[in-house]
Amino acid sequence: MARSRIVRRFSRICGHFPQAQLAESEGVCRLVEDAGLFGRGIPWVGAHVFTATQRSRMSIWTLDHQLASAAKALRVSAGTTGVMI
């Protein structure tokens, strides 16, 4: 009973977040090539996130150093607020 209540509440909260546009593989490949992401340790999922973020004119926040560096270079970084060790 409590689990279903938590799931319903979470679903309601998530409905208020902005939705990013989906990134097609062709657009992701183009971004990887154009932005020089190949060989920088950015996973395929991360490249999809960057592409969707750019298309949706949004920003992302991460504590992952490689993703943060690439996000800053792509001008989609929301910045960081501290260091997690």
Protein backbone atom coordinates (compact mmCIF):
# COMPACT_ATOMS: atom_id res chain seq x y z
CA MET A 1 0.00 0.00 0.00
CA ALA A 2 2.70 2.50 0.94
CA ARG A 3 4.71 1.63 -2.19
CA SER A 4 1.83 2.45 -4.53
CA ARG A 5 1.34 5.77 -2.76
CA ILE A 6 5.03 6.60 -3.22
CA VAL A 7 4.89 5.65 -6.92
CA ARG A 8 1.82 7.85 -7.50
CA ARG A 9 3.46 10.77 -5.73
CA PHE A 10 6.69 10.37 -7.69
CA SER A 11 4.73 10.22 -10.97
CA ARG A 12 2.93 13.45 -10.07
CA ILE A 13 6.22 15.20 -9.26
CA CYS A 14 7.91 14.03 -12.46
CA GLY A 15 5.05 15.39 -14.52
CA HIS A 16 6.18 18.91 -13.61
CA PHE A 17 9.69 18.54 -15.05
CA PRO A 18 10.36 19.88 -18.55
CA GLN A 19 10.59 17.18 -21.21
CA ALA A 20 13.62 17.02 -23.49
CA GLN A 21 13.29 16.15 -27.16
CA LEU A 22 14.46 12.67 -28.09
CA ALA A 23 17.82 12.44 -29.82
CA GLU A 24 18.03 10.22 -32.88
CA SER A 25 21.23 8.22 -33.43
CA GLU A 26 22.07 10.23 -36.56
CA GLY A 27 22.02 13.48 -34.59
CA VAL A 28 24.10 11.93 -31.82
CA CYS A 29 26.73 10.74 -34.32
CA ARG A 30 26.85 14.23 -35.83
CA LEU A 31 27.33 15.82 -32.39
CA VAL A 32 30.07 13.33 -31.44
CA GLU A 33 31.92 14.16 -34.66
CA ASP A 34 31.31 17.94 -34.72
CA ALA A 35 32.09 18.48 -31.02
CA GLY A 36 35.09 16.14 -30.95
CA LEU A 37 33.61 13.88 -28.27
CA PHE A 38 35.10 10.70 -29.72
CA GLY A 39 37.83 9.37 -27.42
CA ARG A 40 36.94 11.65 -24.51
CA GLY A 41 35.38 8.91 -22.40
CA ILE A 42 31.80 10.05 -23.00
CA PRO A 43 29.46 7.04 -23.09
CA TRP A 44 26.86 6.65 -25.84
CA VAL A 45 24.09 7.44 -23.36
CA GLY A 46 25.92 10.62 -22.34
CA ALA A 47 26.18 11.66 -26.00
CA HIS A 48 22.40 11.12 -26.32
CA VAL A 49 21.83 13.29 -23.24
CA PHE A 50 24.00 16.08 -24.69
CA THR A 51 22.19 15.94 -28.03
CA ALA A 52 18.75 16.01 -26.41
CA THR A 53 19.89 18.81 -24.09
CA GLN A 54 21.09 20.95 -26.99
CA ARG A 55 17.97 20.33 -29.06
CA SER A 56 15.72 21.22 -26.13
CA ARG A 57 17.75 24.29 -25.13
CA MET A 58 18.21 22.92 -21.63
CA SER A 59 21.19 22.51 -19.34
CA ILE A 60 22.47 19.56 -17.34
CA TRP A 61 24.19 19.17 -13.99
CA THR A 62 26.61 16.39 -13.19
CA LEU A 63 29.41 15.57 -10.78
CA ASP A 64 31.07 13.28 -13.34
CA HIS A 65 34.23 15.15 -14.37
CA GLN A 66 34.32 13.92 -17.97
CA LEU A 67 30.64 14.68 -18.55
CA ALA A 68 30.96 18.06 -16.82
CA SER A 69 33.93 19.00 -18.98
CA ALA A 70 32.12 18.04 -22.18
CA ALA A 71 28.92 19.80 -21.04
CA LYS A 72 30.89 22.98 -20.42
CA ALA A 73 32.52 22.77 -23.86
CA LEU A 74 29.10 22.24 -25.46
CA ARG A 75 27.63 25.12 -23.42
CA VAL A 76 24.94 22.95 -21.85
CA SER A 77 26.40 22.87 -18.34
CA ALA A 78 24.27 24.09 -15.46
CA GLY A 79 27.48 24.24 -13.42
CA THR A 80 28.34 22.44 -10.21
CA THR A 81 27.87 23.38 -6.60
CA GLY A 82 30.67 21.66 -4.77
CA VAL A 83 32.80 18.59 -5.08
CA MET A 84 31.75 15.09 -4.18
CA ILE A 85 34.52 12.75 -3.03
